Amino acid sequence: MVSLVLKVSGKWEYDRYGMLTINYIACLIPFLITQSSQALPAFDGNFRLCIISAAVNGFLYLGGMVMNQINVRRNGAILQSTFARLGVMVPTCLSIFFFGERPSAIQGMGIIMVAAAFLIMNIQKSRTDNSQSPLRPAFSLLFLGMLFGGAADSMLKIFEVYGDLSLDDWFMGLTFLFSAIICLVITIRRKERIGRNEIIIGLFLGIPNYLSSLLLLKSLSTVSAYIAYPTYSVGAILAVTAASIFLFRERISKWSWSGIAVIIPAIILLNL
């Protein structure tokens, strides 16, 4: 839904940070609705850890967005997109090396196939993209952007391990609250507007943005991270690809079809 809203609104004129502020505020709407009938949690060690973790996560969420913007301008959209998608491997590797989750040989093959699919789907685009900067790609910026996105996803796993899972709704709600505060400060400093377009796009982005993060967090309590993260990422790619074909009549390159052909068995292997 987030990708489709961005696609539909691509021709609209709006101020980016003003829209993101509304987006993060909108993320709080389902949180406030679900918590309106619940008692406030005790301000104990678990809740303090929840607040600290959410503050770090909120910074990472917005930092990842800023790095995406820098990389699109400096390195072009194709390289930025490729490295951003590979960021899913950061929490996957974190779970394997630090939390003792060990994939089987078959699941390991699935992880390798996921990484290969991400690269295959961008081969032809990288060759023909005219939006690339004439400067040499700054791979340090690309790598930093990948780390920001991957670190934000990793915080979900860290909270699932060390935090109180009964506070997962509060963790996500506070994450977006801190993101909204930081983004609002940037909006004010840059003197960006928050008008009709920013409000409409931000509202339509906010609710699915919140729910996708919350549902991913809840899934980590039932399946291993090396299954949850790659499936979450490639599942989104398949959904957007299908919507682009049937709703927006987009043509898919042979490299994209090759990547999809690798992704489908990779998902199957990850769940064996």
C-alpha atoms as a PDB file:
ATOM      1  CA  MET A   1       0.000   0.000   0.000  1.00  0.00           C
ATOM      2  CA  VAL A   2       2.823   2.435   0.811  1.00  0.00           C
ATOM      3  CA  SER A   3       4.438   1.837  -2.577  1.00  0.00           C
ATOM      4  CA  LEU A   4       1.145   2.152  -4.432  1.00  0.00           C
ATOM      5  CA  VAL A   5       0.231   5.413  -2.688  1.00  0.00           C
ATOM      6  CA  LEU A   6       3.632   6.853  -3.589  1.00  0.00           C
ATOM      7  CA  LYS A   7       3.159   5.724  -7.186  1.00  0.00           C
ATOM      8  CA  VAL A   8      -0.302   7.255  -7.527  1.00  0.00           C
ATOM      9  CA  SER A   9       0.820  10.518  -5.918  1.00  0.00           C
ATOM     10  CA  GLY A  10       4.016  10.703  -7.977  1.00  0.00           C
ATOM     11  CA  LYS A  11       2.656  13.482 -10.200  1.00  0.00           C
ATOM     12  CA  TRP A  12       1.515  15.628  -7.272  1.00  0.00           C
ATOM     13  CA  GLU A  13       3.526  18.587  -6.052  1.00  0.00           C
ATOM     14  CA  TYR A  14       4.255  18.517  -2.346  1.00  0.00           C
ATOM     15  CA  ASP A  15       6.966  19.384   0.169  1.00  0.00           C
ATOM     16  CA  ARG A  16       8.706  16.195   1.212  1.00  0.00           C
ATOM     17  CA  TYR A  17       9.305  16.853   4.908  1.00  0.00           C
ATOM     18  CA  GLY A  18       5.881  18.401   5.378  1.00  0.00           C
ATOM     19  CA  MET A  19       4.328  15.272   3.885  1.00  0.00           C
ATOM     20  CA  LEU A  20       6.529  13.004   6.024  1.00  0.00           C
ATOM     21  CA  THR A  21       5.483  14.867   9.151  1.00  0.00           C
ATOM     22  CA  ILE A  22       1.827  14.149   8.377  1.00  0.00           C
ATOM     23  CA  ASN A  23       2.758  10.572   7.502  1.00  0.00           C
ATOM     24  CA  TYR A  24       4.336   9.971  10.908  1.00  0.00           C
ATOM     25  CA  ILE A  25       1.476  11.717  12.693  1.00  0.00           C
ATOM     26  CA  ALA A  26      -0.978   9.540  10.747  1.00  0.00           C
ATOM     27  CA  CYS A  27       0.966   6.494  11.915  1.00  0.00           C
ATOM     28  CA  LEU A  28      -0.151   7.404  15.425  1.00  0.00           C
ATOM     29  CA  ILE A  29      -3.874   7.212  14.559  1.00  0.00           C
ATOM     30  CA  PRO A  30      -4.273   3.393  14.716  1.00  0.00           C
ATOM     31  CA  PHE A  31      -2.020   3.363  17.786  1.00  0.00           C
ATOM     32  CA  LEU A  32      -4.213   5.894  19.609  1.00  0.00           C
ATOM     33  CA  ILE A  33      -7.377   4.043  18.569  1.00  0.00           C
ATOM     34  CA  THR A  34      -6.142   0.667  19.825  1.00  0.00           C
ATOM     35  CA  GLN A  35      -4.776   2.106  23.079  1.00  0.00           C
ATOM     36  CA  SER A  36      -7.679   4.438  23.912  1.00  0.00           C
ATOM     37  CA  SER A  37      -9.452   1.739  25.911  1.00  0.00           C
ATOM     38  CA  GLN A  38      -6.285   0.351  27.487  1.00  0.00           C
ATOM     39  CA  ALA A  39      -4.704   1.372  30.762  1.00  0.00           C
ATOM     40  CA  LEU A  40      -1.358   3.151  30.633  1.00  0.00           C
ATOM     41  CA  PRO A  41       1.570   0.778  31.259  1.00  0.00           C
ATOM     42  CA  ALA A  42       3.526   1.103  34.475  1.00  0.00           C
ATOM     43  CA  PHE A  43       6.576   3.343  34.176  1.00  0.00           C
ATOM     44  CA  ASP A  44       8.968   0.561  35.079  1.00  0.00           C
ATOM     45  CA  GLY A  45      12.216  -0.704  33.592  1.00  0.00           C
ATOM     46  CA  ASN A  46      10.460  -2.429  30.698  1.00  0.00           C
ATOM     47  CA  PHE A  47       8.620   0.731  29.691  1.00  0.00           C
ATOM     48  CA  ARG A  48      11.746   2.862  29.996  1.00  0.00           C
ATOM     49  CA  LEU A  49      13.565   0.395  27.731  1.00  0.00           C
ATOM     50  CA  CYS A  50      10.629   0.654  25.320  1.00  0.00           C
ATOM     51  CA  ILE A  51      10.937   4.451  25.229  1.00  0.00           C
ATOM     52  CA  ILE A  52      14.711   4.392  24.675  1.00  0.00           C
ATOM     53  CA  SER A  53      14.447   1.734  21.957  1.00  0.00           C
ATOM     54  CA  ALA A  54      11.655   3.660  20.226  1.00  0.00           C
ATOM     55  CA  ALA A  55      13.698   6.876  20.285  1.00  0.00           C
ATOM     56  CA  VAL A  56      16.623   5.117  18.600  1.00  0.00           C
ATOM     57  CA  ASN A  57      14.282   3.445  16.130  1.00  0.00           C
ATOM     58  CA  GLY A  58      12.574   6.733  15.295  1.00  0.00           C
ATOM     59  CA  PHE A  59      15.938   8.311  14.501  1.00  0.00           C
ATOM     60  CA  LEU A  60      16.886   5.335  12.316  1.00  0.00           C
ATOM     61  CA  TYR A  61      13.561   5.474  10.454  1.00  0.00           C
ATOM     62  CA  LEU A  62      14.047   9.109   9.537  1.00  0.00           C
ATOM     63  CA  GLY A  63      17.798   8.695   9.006  1.00  0.00           C
ATOM     64  CA  GLY A  64      17.109   5.961   6.469  1.00  0.00           C
ATOM     65  CA  MET A  65      14.753   8.292   4.621  1.00  0.00           C
ATOM     66  CA  VAL A  66      17.356  11.078   4.552  1.00  0.00           C
ATOM     67  CA  MET A  67      20.055   8.682   3.293  1.00  0.00           C
ATOM     68  CA  ASN A  68      17.685   7.499   0.573  1.00  0.00           C
ATOM     69  CA  GLN A  69      17.282  11.098  -0.596  1.00  0.00           C
ATOM     70  CA  ILE A  70      21.042  11.718  -0.542  1.00  0.00           C
ATOM     71  CA  ASN A  71      21.761   8.532  -2.496  1.00  0.00           C
ATOM     72  CA  VAL A  72      19.098   9.227  -5.124  1.00  0.00           C
ATOM     73  CA  ARG A  73      20.710  12.620  -5.756  1.00  0.00           C
ATOM     74  CA  ARG A  74      24.335  11.443  -5.579  1.00  0.00           C
ATOM     75  CA  ASN A  75      24.178   7.896  -6.982  1.00  0.00           C
ATOM     76  CA  GLY A  76      20.889   7.665  -8.881  1.00  0.00           C
ATOM     77  CA  ALA A  77      17.677   5.867  -8.056  1.00  0.00           C
ATOM     78  CA  ILE A  78      18.728   2.442  -9.330  1.00  0.00           C
ATOM     79  CA  LEU A  79      21.801   1.945  -7.142  1.00  0.00           C
ATOM     80  CA  GLN A  80      19.977   3.425  -4.162  1.00  0.00           C
ATOM     81  CA  SER A  81      17.060   1.043  -4.634  1.00  0.00           C
ATOM     82  CA  THR A  82      19.327  -1.980  -4.984  1.00  0.00           C
ATOM     83  CA  PHE A  83      21.272  -1.295  -1.805  1.00  0.00           C
ATOM     84  CA  ALA A  84      18.124  -0.356   0.135  1.00  0.00           C
ATOM     85  CA  ARG A  85      16.572  -3.731  -0.694  1.00  0.00           C
ATOM     86  CA  LEU A  86      19.743  -5.518   0.332  1.00  0.00           C
ATOM     87  CA  GLY A  87      19.359  -3.873   3.746  1.00  0.00           C
ATOM     88  CA  VAL A  88      17.030  -6.714   4.723  1.00  0.00           C
ATOM     89  CA  MET A  89      20.097  -8.909   5.064  1.00  0.00           C
ATOM     90  CA  VAL A  90      21.369  -6.782   7.997  1.00  0.00           C
ATOM     91  CA  PRO A  91      18.764  -7.999  10.533  1.00  0.00           C
ATOM     92  CA  THR A  92      18.929 -11.466   9.008  1.00  0.00           C
ATOM     93  CA  CYS A  93      22.677 -11.701   9.638  1.00  0.00           C
ATOM     94  CA  LEU A  94      22.239 -10.091  13.066  1.00  0.00           C
ATOM     95  CA  SER A  95      19.849 -12.846  14.105  1.00  0.00           C
ATOM     96  CA  ILE A  96      22.183 -15.552  12.825  1.00  0.00           C
ATOM     97  CA  PHE A  97      25.411 -14.274  14.412  1.00  0.00           C
ATOM     98  CA  PHE A  98      24.170 -12.674  17.647  1.00  0.00           C
ATOM     99  CA  PHE A  99      20.883 -14.349  18.556  1.00  0.00           C
ATOM    100  CA  GLY A 100      21.836 -17.917  17.709  1.00  0.00           C
ATOM    101  CA  GLU A 101      19.217 -18.481  15.034  1.00  0.00           C
ATOM    102  CA  ARG A 102      20.671 -21.025  12.628  1.00  0.00           C
ATOM    103  CA  PRO A 103      19.090 -21.568   9.231  1.00  0.00           C
ATOM    104  CA  SER A 104      19.251 -25.000   7.684  1.00  0.00           C
ATOM    105  CA  ALA A 105      21.252 -25.589   4.516  1.00  0.00           C
ATOM    106  CA  ILE A 106      18.050 -25.306   2.471  1.00  0.00           C
ATOM    107  CA  GLN A 107      17.057 -22.039   4.164  1.00  0.00           C
ATOM    108  CA  GLY A 108      20.602 -20.717   3.691  1.00  0.00           C
ATOM    109  CA  MET A 109      20.245 -21.381  -0.017  1.00  0.00           C
ATOM    110  CA  GLY A 110      16.996 -19.397   0.067  1.00  0.00           C
ATOM    111  CA  ILE A 111      18.784 -16.427   1.651  1.00  0.00           C
ATOM    112  CA  ILE A 112      21.457 -16.524  -1.064  1.00  0.00           C
ATOM    113  CA  MET A 113      18.770 -16.682  -3.743  1.00  0.00           C
ATOM    114  CA  VAL A 114      17.040 -13.622  -2.248  1.00  0.00           C
ATOM    115  CA  ALA A 115      20.239 -11.566  -2.513  1.00  0.00           C
ATOM    116  CA  ALA A 116      20.799 -12.828  -6.058  1.00  0.00           C
ATOM    117  CA  ALA A 117      17.244 -11.924  -7.059  1.00  0.00           C
ATOM    118  CA  PHE A 118      17.652  -8.351  -5.827  1.00  0.00           C
ATOM    119  CA  LEU A 119      20.709  -7.937  -8.036  1.00  0.00           C
ATOM    120  CA  ILE A 120      19.186  -9.663 -11.086  1.00  0.00           C
ATOM    121  CA  MET A 121      16.126  -7.385 -11.022  1.00  0.00           C
ATOM    122  CA  ASN A 122      18.344  -4.310 -11.365  1.00  0.00           C
ATOM    123  CA  ILE A 123      20.917  -5.456 -13.953  1.00  0.00           C
ATOM    124  CA  GLN A 124      19.189  -4.113 -17.049  1.00  0.00           C
ATOM    125  CA  LYS A 125      18.036  -0.927 -15.327  1.00  0.00           C
ATOM    126  CA  SER A 126      21.563  -0.166 -14.183  1.00  0.00           C
ATOM    127  CA  ARG A 127      22.764  -0.417 -17.784  1.00  0.00           C
ATOM    128  CA  THR A 128      20.142   1.896 -19.244  1.00  0.00           C
ATOM    129  CA  ASP A 129      19.408   4.348 -16.447  1.00  0.00           C
ATOM    130  CA  ASN A 130      20.065   7.900 -17.654  1.00  0.00           C
ATOM    131  CA  SER A 131      19.308   9.470 -14.270  1.00  0.00           C
ATOM    132  CA  GLN A 132      22.610   8.373 -12.833  1.00  0.00           C
ATOM    133  CA  SER A 133      24.949  11.080 -11.679  1.00  0.00           C
ATOM    134  CA  PRO A 134      27.976  11.601 -13.926  1.00  0.00           C
ATOM    135  CA  LEU A 135      30.109  11.302 -10.795  1.00  0.00           C
ATOM    136  CA  ARG A 136      31.475   7.932  -9.766  1.00  0.00           C
ATOM    137  CA  PRO A 137      29.083   6.126  -7.394  1.00  0.00           C
ATOM    138  CA  ALA A 138      29.799   6.859  -3.734  1.00  0.00           C
ATOM    139  CA  PHE A 139      29.524   3.341  -2.388  1.00  0.00           C
ATOM    140  CA  SER A 140      30.253   4.554   1.150  1.00  0.00           C
ATOM    141  CA  LEU A 141      26.982   6.531   1.038  1.00  0.00           C
ATOM    142  CA  LEU A 142      25.134   3.567  -0.469  1.00  0.00           C
ATOM    143  CA  PHE A 143      26.490   1.272   2.220  1.00  0.00           C
ATOM    144  CA  LEU A 144      25.563   3.778   4.939  1.00  0.00           C
ATOM    145  CA  GLY A 145      22.042   4.030   3.550  1.00  0.00           C
ATOM    146  CA  MET A 146      21.761   0.238   3.557  1.00  0.00           C
ATOM    147  CA  LEU A 147      22.940   0.149   7.180  1.00  0.00           C
ATOM    148  CA  PHE A 148      20.385   2.763   8.264  1.00  0.00           C
ATOM    149  CA  GLY A 149      17.520   0.814   6.725  1.00  0.00           C
ATOM    150  CA  GLY A 150      18.837  -2.502   7.974  1.00  0.00           C
ATOM    151  CA  ALA A 151      19.481  -1.109  11.463  1.00  0.00           C
ATOM    152  CA  ALA A 152      15.896   0.133  11.682  1.00  0.00           C
ATOM    153  CA  ASP A 153      14.638  -3.354  10.836  1.00  0.00           C
ATOM    154  CA  SER A 154      17.136  -4.824  13.309  1.00  0.00           C
ATOM    155  CA  MET A 155      15.675  -2.738  16.133  1.00  0.00           C
ATOM    156  CA  LEU A 156      12.451  -4.730  15.757  1.00  0.00           C
ATOM    157  CA  LYS A 157      14.365  -7.944  16.397  1.00  0.00           C
ATOM    158  CA  ILE A 158      16.339  -6.428  19.287  1.00  0.00           C
ATOM    159  CA  PHE A 159      13.134  -5.284  20.979  1.00  0.00           C
ATOM    160  CA  GLU A 160      11.557  -8.696  20.365  1.00  0.00           C
ATOM    161  CA  VAL A 161      14.492 -10.311  22.223  1.00  0.00           C
ATOM    162  CA  TYR A 162      15.134  -7.856  25.064  1.00  0.00           C
ATOM    163  CA  GLY A 163      11.881  -5.911  25.374  1.00  0.00           C
ATOM    164  CA  ASP A 164       8.475  -6.731  26.811  1.00  0.00           C
ATOM    165  CA  LEU A 165       6.351  -8.018  23.937  1.00  0.00           C
ATOM    166  CA  SER A 166       3.203  -6.774  25.661  1.00  0.00           C
ATOM    167  CA  LEU A 167       4.518  -3.287  24.855  1.00  0.00           C
ATOM    168  CA  ASP A 168       5.016  -3.872  21.122  1.00  0.00           C
ATOM    169  CA  ASP A 169       2.154  -1.493  20.247  1.00  0.00           C
ATOM    170  CA  TRP A 170       3.754   1.185  22.426  1.00  0.00           C
ATOM    171  CA  PHE A 171       7.142   0.543  20.857  1.00  0.00           C
ATOM    172  CA  MET A 172       5.827   1.206  17.361  1.00  0.00           C
ATOM    173  CA  GLY A 173       3.641   4.111  18.475  1.00  0.00           C
ATOM    174  CA  LEU A 174       6.526   5.845  20.238  1.00  0.00           C
ATOM    175  CA  THR A 175       8.814   5.133  17.282  1.00  0.00           C
ATOM    176  CA  PHE A 176       6.571   7.118  14.968  1.00  0.00           C
ATOM    177  CA  LEU A 177       6.058   9.794  17.612  1.00  0.00           C
ATOM    178  CA  PHE A 178       9.802  10.430  17.810  1.00  0.00           C
ATOM    179  CA  SER A 179      10.049  10.338  13.995  1.00  0.00           C
ATOM    180  CA  ALA A 180       7.227  12.885  13.753  1.00  0.00           C
ATOM    181  CA  ILE A 181       8.893  15.217  16.259  1.00  0.00           C
ATOM    182  CA  ILE A 182      12.262  15.097  14.467  1.00  0.00           C
ATOM    183  CA  CYS A 183      10.620  15.530  11.066  1.00  0.00           C
ATOM    184  CA  LEU A 184       8.479  18.454  12.300  1.00  0.00           C
ATOM    185  CA  VAL A 185      11.598  20.241  13.537  1.00  0.00           C
ATOM    186  CA  ILE A 186      13.185  19.789  10.098  1.00  0.00           C
ATOM    187  CA  THR A 187       9.999  21.009   8.398  1.00  0.00           C
ATOM    188  CA  ILE A 188       9.970  24.179  10.500  1.00  0.00           C
ATOM    189  CA  ARG A 189      13.680  24.846   9.984  1.00  0.00           C
ATOM    190  CA  ARG A 190      13.361  24.382   6.219  1.00  0.00           C
ATOM    191  CA  LYS A 191      10.164  26.490   6.208  1.00  0.00           C
ATOM    192  CA  GLU A 192       8.288  23.826   4.282  1.00  0.00           C
ATOM    193  CA  ARG A 193       4.532  23.942   4.019  1.00  0.00           C
ATOM    194  CA  ILE A 194       1.918  21.486   5.221  1.00  0.00           C
ATOM    195  CA  GLY A 195      -0.926  22.023   2.796  1.00  0.00           C
ATOM    196  CA  ARG A 196      -3.700  19.949   1.269  1.00  0.00           C
ATOM    197  CA  ASN A 197      -1.462  17.701  -0.828  1.00  0.00           C
ATOM    198  CA  GLU A 198       0.912  17.019   2.050  1.00  0.00           C
ATOM    199  CA  ILE A 199      -1.994  16.120   4.340  1.00  0.00           C
ATOM    200  CA  ILE A 200      -3.764  13.837   1.851  1.00  0.00           C
ATOM    201  CA  ILE A 201      -0.637  11.897   0.847  1.00  0.00           C
ATOM    202  CA  GLY A 202       0.657  11.750   4.415  1.00  0.00           C
ATOM    203  CA  LEU A 203      -2.621  10.338   5.742  1.00  0.00           C
ATOM    204  CA  PHE A 204      -2.826   7.642   3.077  1.00  0.00           C
ATOM    205  CA  LEU A 205       0.792   6.682   3.721  1.00  0.00           C
ATOM    206  CA  GLY A 206       0.698   6.743   7.495  1.00  0.00           C
ATOM    207  CA  ILE A 207      -1.771   4.007   8.382  1.00  0.00           C
ATOM    208  CA  PRO A 208      -0.312   1.218   6.161  1.00  0.00           C
ATOM    209  CA  ASN A 209       3.170   2.382   7.181  1.00  0.00           C
ATOM    210  CA  TYR A 210       2.303   1.826  10.838  1.00  0.00           C
ATOM    211  CA  LEU A 211       0.515  -1.478  10.301  1.00  0.00           C
ATOM    212  CA  SER A 212       3.281  -2.985   8.152  1.00  0.00           C
ATOM    213  CA  SER A 213       5.886  -2.261  10.843  1.00  0.00           C
ATOM    214  CA  LEU A 214       3.649  -3.485  13.669  1.00  0.00           C
ATOM    215  CA  LEU A 215       2.712  -6.724  11.907  1.00  0.00           C
ATOM    216  CA  LEU A 216       6.378  -7.401  11.089  1.00  0.00           C
ATOM    217  CA  LEU A 217       7.223  -6.941  14.777  1.00  0.00           C
ATOM    218  CA  LYS A 218       4.459  -9.347  15.812  1.00  0.00           C
ATOM    219  CA  SER A 219       5.593 -11.916  13.234  1.00  0.00           C
ATOM    220  CA  LEU A 220       9.039 -12.059  14.842  1.00  0.00           C
ATOM    221  CA  SER A 221       7.482 -13.679  17.913  1.00  0.00           C
ATOM    222  CA  THR A 222       6.187 -16.611  15.831  1.00  0.00           C
ATOM    223  CA  VAL A 223       8.800 -17.191  13.103  1.00  0.00           C
ATOM    224  CA  SER A 224      12.571 -16.814  12.890  1.00  0.00           C
ATOM    225  CA  ALA A 225      14.027 -13.527  11.664  1.00  0.00           C
ATOM    226  CA  TYR A 226      15.802 -15.163   8.714  1.00  0.00           C
ATOM    227  CA  ILE A 227      12.346 -16.211   7.503  1.00  0.00           C
ATOM    228  CA  ALA A 228      10.378 -13.090   8.473  1.00  0.00           C
ATOM    229  CA  TYR A 229      12.629 -10.410   6.983  1.00  0.00           C
ATOM    230  CA  PRO A 230      13.329 -11.884   3.516  1.00  0.00           C
ATOM    231  CA  THR A 231       9.702 -12.993   3.135  1.00  0.00           C
ATOM    232  CA  TYR A 232       8.518  -9.525   4.172  1.00  0.00           C
ATOM    233  CA  SER A 233      10.801  -7.874   1.635  1.00  0.00           C
ATOM    234  CA  VAL A 234      10.289 -10.138  -1.372  1.00  0.00           C
ATOM    235  CA  GLY A 235       6.564 -10.396  -0.646  1.00  0.00           C
ATOM    236  CA  ALA A 236       6.301  -6.625  -0.972  1.00  0.00           C
ATOM    237  CA  ILE A 237       8.191  -6.762  -4.275  1.00  0.00           C
ATOM    238  CA  LEU A 238       5.832  -9.421  -5.647  1.00  0.00           C
ATOM    239  CA  ALA A 239       2.747  -7.469  -4.526  1.00  0.00           C
ATOM    240  CA  VAL A 240       3.968  -4.218  -6.079  1.00  0.00           C
ATOM    241  CA  THR A 241       4.969  -6.026  -9.273  1.00  0.00           C
ATOM    242  CA  ALA A 242       1.525  -7.610  -9.597  1.00  0.00           C
ATOM    243  CA  ALA A 243      -0.214  -4.290  -8.942  1.00  0.00           C
ATOM    244  CA  SER A 244       1.998  -2.526 -11.477  1.00  0.00           C
ATOM    245  CA  ILE A 245       1.158  -5.088 -14.157  1.00  0.00           C
ATOM    246  CA  PHE A 246      -2.594  -5.375 -13.623  1.00  0.00           C
ATOM    247  CA  LEU A 247      -3.459  -1.882 -12.327  1.00  0.00           C
ATOM    248  CA  PHE A 248      -0.931   0.393 -14.003  1.00  0.00           C
ATOM    249  CA  ARG A 249      -0.234  -1.708 -17.134  1.00  0.00           C
ATOM    250  CA  GLU A 250       3.532  -1.493 -16.708  1.00  0.00           C
ATOM    251  CA  ARG A 251       5.820  -3.664 -18.801  1.00  0.00           C
ATOM    252  CA  ILE A 252       8.251  -5.875 -16.907  1.00  0.00           C
ATOM    253  CA  SER A 253      11.773  -6.417 -18.273  1.00  0.00           C
ATOM    254  CA  LYS A 254      13.212  -9.866 -18.776  1.00  0.00           C
ATOM    255  CA  TRP A 255      15.595  -9.241 -15.877  1.00  0.00           C
ATOM    256  CA  SER A 256      12.674  -8.451 -13.574  1.00  0.00           C
ATOM    257  CA  TRP A 257      10.920 -11.631 -14.647  1.00  0.00           C
ATOM    258  CA  SER A 258      14.158 -13.540 -14.001  1.00  0.00           C
ATOM    259  CA  GLY A 259      14.349 -12.044 -10.497  1.00  0.00           C
ATOM    260  CA  ILE A 260      10.739 -12.966  -9.772  1.00  0.00           C
ATOM    261  CA  ALA A 261      11.428 -16.509 -10.981  1.00  0.00           C
ATOM    262  CA  VAL A 262      14.247 -16.722  -8.409  1.00  0.00           C
ATOM    263  CA  ILE A 263      12.237 -15.073  -5.611  1.00  0.00           C
ATOM    264  CA  ILE A 264       9.321 -17.507  -5.648  1.00  0.00           C
ATOM    265  CA  PRO A 265      11.373 -20.682  -4.951  1.00  0.00           C
ATOM    266  CA  ALA A 266      13.511 -18.674  -2.494  1.00  0.00           C
ATOM    267  CA  ILE A 267      10.414 -17.959  -0.380  1.00  0.00           C
ATOM    268  CA  ILE A 268       9.517 -21.654  -0.501  1.00  0.00           C
ATOM    269  CA  LEU A 269      13.035 -22.658   0.634  1.00  0.00           C
ATOM    270  CA  LEU A 270      12.983 -20.123   3.484  1.00  0.00           C
ATOM    271  CA  ASN A 271       9.839 -21.693   4.881  1.00  0.00           C
ATOM    272  CA  LEU A 272      10.973 -25.335   4.735  1.00  0.00           C
END
